[in-house]
Amino acid sequence: MTTLTTSWNGHPGLPAYIDFLEWALRHEETRQAFRRSTGNAPIPAGERLQRFSDWVEANLYGRPEDFPAEAEAA
């Protein structure tokens, strides 16, 4: 079993990130953007899921440190 590693692990915002990631996996335009950017099709398992998650964090959702006001409130 592969464990997904994100910068959101251990952060109170992790459930929202997972919801967004699930949405992104189903959103065709996002899947096409990932494919154009990386040459890979997003697959909801294993190493490909990790690559998709990393791409989503970097290009769409952001990381906890990208939201300093929320980090201070947590």
Foldseek 3Di string as FASTA:
>chain_A
DDDADDLCVPPPCVVVLVVVLVVLLVDVVSQVVCCVVPVDGQDCDDPSSNVSSVCCCVPPDHHPVVPVVVVVVD
